[in-house]
Amino acid sequence: MRWCPKYVDELFTKLDSAGLSQKDINTFMTLPEMKHARK
């Protein structure tokens, strides 16, 4: 999976401003994979 650098930068900026920690971000980034694995 490849992300547009600008999109990633904006995404992490929004997540950081929302008060999410790196662990929360890592969990968030793996959610799609977890949902896919359940199906």
Protein backbone atom coordinates (compact mmCIF):
# COMPACT_ATOMS: atom_id res chain seq x y z
CA MET A 1 0.00 0.00 0.00
CA ARG A 2 1.44 3.35 -1.04
CA TRP A 3 0.35 6.73 0.29
CA CYS A 4 0.71 10.14 -1.26
CA PRO A 5 3.33 11.94 0.90
CA LYS A 6 1.23 15.09 1.11
CA TYR A 7 -1.86 13.12 2.12
CA VAL A 8 0.09 11.24 4.80
CA ASP A 9 1.57 14.46 6.16
CA GLU A 10 -1.87 16.06 6.40
CA LEU A 11 -3.37 12.91 7.89
CA PHE A 12 -0.76 12.63 10.63
CA THR A 13 -1.05 16.36 11.33
CA LYS A 14 -4.81 15.95 11.86
CA LEU A 15 -4.34 12.86 14.02
CA ASP A 16 -1.65 14.59 16.08
CA SER A 17 -3.83 17.66 16.58
CA ALA A 18 -6.60 15.31 17.71
CA GLY A 19 -4.34 14.16 20.54
CA LEU A 20 -3.63 10.67 19.25
CA SER A 21 -0.40 9.01 20.29
CA GLN A 22 1.89 7.08 17.92
CA LYS A 23 0.39 3.84 19.25
CA ASP A 24 -3.12 5.09 18.49
CA ILE A 25 -2.02 6.04 14.97
CA ASN A 26 -0.44 2.63 14.41
CA THR A 27 -3.65 0.95 15.56
CA PHE A 28 -5.70 3.21 13.28
CA MET A 29 -3.48 2.41 10.29
CA THR A 30 -3.92 -1.36 10.80
CA LEU A 31 -7.71 -1.32 11.18
CA PRO A 32 -8.45 -1.82 7.43
CA GLU A 33 -6.19 -4.88 7.43
CA MET A 34 -7.92 -6.31 10.49
CA LYS A 35 -11.38 -5.82 8.98
CA HIS A 36 -10.21 -7.42 5.74
CA ALA A 37 -8.85 -10.42 7.66
CA ARG A 38 -12.20 -10.98 9.38
CA LYS A 39 -14.11 -11.15 6.08
